[in-house]
Amino acid sequence: MELSALVVEGDANVRNVHKDLLRLVGNCTTVNSGLQAVILHRMGKRFDVILMDMDLPQLEGIRATNELRVMGVRSLILGMSRSCSKEEVRSRERIMVEDAIDVHYTKPLTAEQLEEALEMLDS
């Protein structure tokens, strides 16, 4: 099954790593801000999976995710952030529950993590 994916990432290098990884499972669109992600959805674009940088310019990942969920977007959303302490991870886990991020990973995403996350689509 070919999936459609959206990478929302402020860092061009990480964006390219994630794009290359997601091309293994389908087609991939990339943007560099949460605002661009919201605009794409307002234009009618839909994705099976969204990799959302939590530290974005213009409209940060948490707010962008919240806005997408309010718009009715039901995509699997993977929250992505740079290395963080255990306390920051716990804080982000609370945010996941509150803001409907399905799972959080430290970037860049690995093939194993992607496979694990995609299993959520089957359940």
Protein backbone atom coordinates (compact mmCIF):
# COMPACT_ATOMS: atom_id res chain seq x y z
CA MET A 1 0.00 0.00 0.00
CA GLU A 2 1.47 3.35 -1.04
CA LEU A 3 1.10 6.13 1.50
CA SER A 4 1.11 9.89 1.16
CA ALA A 5 3.27 11.79 3.61
CA LEU A 6 3.90 15.38 4.60
CA VAL A 7 7.17 16.46 6.20
CA VAL A 8 6.84 19.72 8.12
CA GLU A 9 10.42 20.56 9.09
CA GLY A 10 12.34 23.80 9.56
CA ASP A 11 15.82 22.31 9.02
CA ALA A 12 16.52 21.62 5.33
CA ASN A 13 18.96 18.78 6.07
CA VAL A 14 16.53 16.94 8.35
CA ARG A 15 13.70 17.65 5.90
CA ASN A 16 15.68 15.92 3.13
CA VAL A 17 16.55 12.92 5.35
CA HIS A 18 12.88 12.47 6.24
CA LYS A 19 11.78 12.95 2.62
CA ASP A 20 14.19 10.26 1.43
CA LEU A 21 13.01 7.88 4.16
CA LEU A 22 9.32 8.43 3.41
CA ARG A 23 9.80 7.94 -0.31
CA LEU A 24 10.33 4.26 0.55
CA VAL A 25 6.64 3.99 1.50
CA GLY A 26 5.01 6.39 -0.96
CA ASN A 27 5.00 9.95 -2.15
CA CYS A 28 6.17 12.78 0.03
CA THR A 29 5.50 16.52 0.16
CA THR A 30 7.70 18.85 2.21
CA VAL A 31 7.13 22.28 3.76
CA ASN A 32 9.19 24.29 6.21
CA SER A 33 6.51 25.76 8.49
CA GLY A 34 3.37 24.80 10.35
CA LEU A 35 1.54 27.59 8.55
CA GLN A 36 2.35 26.00 5.17
CA ALA A 37 1.03 22.66 6.45
CA VAL A 38 -2.25 24.24 7.52
CA ILE A 39 -2.57 26.06 4.17
CA LEU A 40 -2.04 22.80 2.25
CA HIS A 41 -4.88 21.19 4.19
CA ARG A 42 -7.12 24.21 3.65
CA MET A 43 -6.47 23.74 -0.07
CA GLY A 44 -7.81 20.19 0.22
CA LYS A 45 -4.57 18.20 0.40
CA ARG A 46 -4.68 15.08 2.58
CA PHE A 47 -1.90 12.85 3.87
CA ASP A 48 -1.75 9.49 5.61
CA VAL A 49 1.25 10.50 7.73
CA ILE A 50 2.57 13.87 8.86
CA LEU A 51 6.03 14.36 10.42
CA MET A 52 5.68 17.58 12.40
CA ASP A 53 8.69 19.49 13.70
CA MET A 54 7.75 20.77 17.15
CA ASP A 55 10.04 23.83 16.91
CA LEU A 56 8.86 25.52 13.72
CA PRO A 57 8.91 29.12 12.51
CA GLN A 58 5.63 31.02 11.98
CA LEU A 59 3.26 28.45 13.48
CA GLU A 60 5.00 26.00 15.80
CA GLY A 61 4.33 22.29 15.47
CA ILE A 62 2.11 21.96 18.51
CA ARG A 63 -0.16 24.81 17.42
CA ALA A 64 -0.16 23.61 13.80
CA THR A 65 -1.13 20.12 14.95
CA ASN A 66 -3.89 21.55 17.10
CA GLU A 67 -5.22 23.57 14.17
CA LEU A 68 -5.11 20.54 11.86
CA ARG A 69 -7.07 18.45 14.36
CA VAL A 70 -9.68 21.21 14.74
CA MET A 71 -9.98 21.18 10.93
CA GLY A 72 -10.81 17.46 11.15
CA VAL A 73 -7.46 16.11 9.96
CA ARG A 74 -7.12 12.47 11.08
CA SER A 75 -3.66 11.75 9.69
CA LEU A 76 -1.11 9.93 11.81
CA ILE A 77 0.96 12.82 13.19
CA LEU A 78 4.47 12.13 14.42
CA GLY A 79 5.89 14.92 16.57
CA MET A 80 9.60 15.42 15.92
CA SER A 81 12.11 17.38 17.99
CA ARG A 82 15.85 17.65 18.45
CA SER A 83 17.48 15.76 21.30
CA CYS A 84 15.89 16.55 24.60
CA SER A 85 16.13 15.58 28.25
CA LYS A 86 13.81 13.07 29.92
CA GLU A 87 11.92 15.97 31.49
CA GLU A 88 11.39 17.59 28.10
CA VAL A 89 10.20 14.23 26.70
CA ARG A 90 7.68 13.90 29.56
CA SER A 91 6.48 17.44 28.87
CA ARG A 92 6.09 16.63 25.17
CA GLU A 93 4.21 13.42 26.05
CA ARG A 94 1.69 15.53 27.99
CA ILE A 95 1.41 17.79 24.97
CA MET A 96 0.84 14.73 22.76
CA VAL A 97 -2.23 13.79 24.75
CA GLU A 98 -3.51 17.35 24.91
CA ASP A 99 -2.79 18.28 21.31
CA ALA A 100 -3.39 14.99 19.50
CA ILE A 101 0.16 14.25 18.38
CA ASP A 102 0.09 10.48 17.96
CA VAL A 103 3.70 9.75 18.90
CA HIS A 104 6.90 11.72 19.55
CA TYR A 105 10.41 10.96 18.29
CA THR A 106 13.78 12.64 18.46
CA LYS A 107 14.85 13.63 14.97
CA PRO A 108 15.98 12.44 12.58
CA LEU A 109 13.51 9.57 12.31
CA THR A 110 15.01 6.15 11.65
CA ALA A 111 13.64 3.45 9.35
CA GLU A 112 12.83 1.32 12.40
CA GLN A 113 10.90 4.16 14.06
CA LEU A 114 8.99 4.82 10.84
CA GLU A 115 8.06 1.14 10.56
CA GLU A 116 6.90 1.14 14.20
CA ALA A 117 4.80 4.27 13.65
CA LEU A 118 3.25 3.01 10.42
CA GLU A 119 1.99 -0.06 12.27
CA MET A 120 -0.36 2.37 14.04
CA LEU A 121 -2.12 2.91 10.71
CA ASP A 122 -3.02 -0.78 10.56
CA SER A 123 -4.59 -0.85 14.03
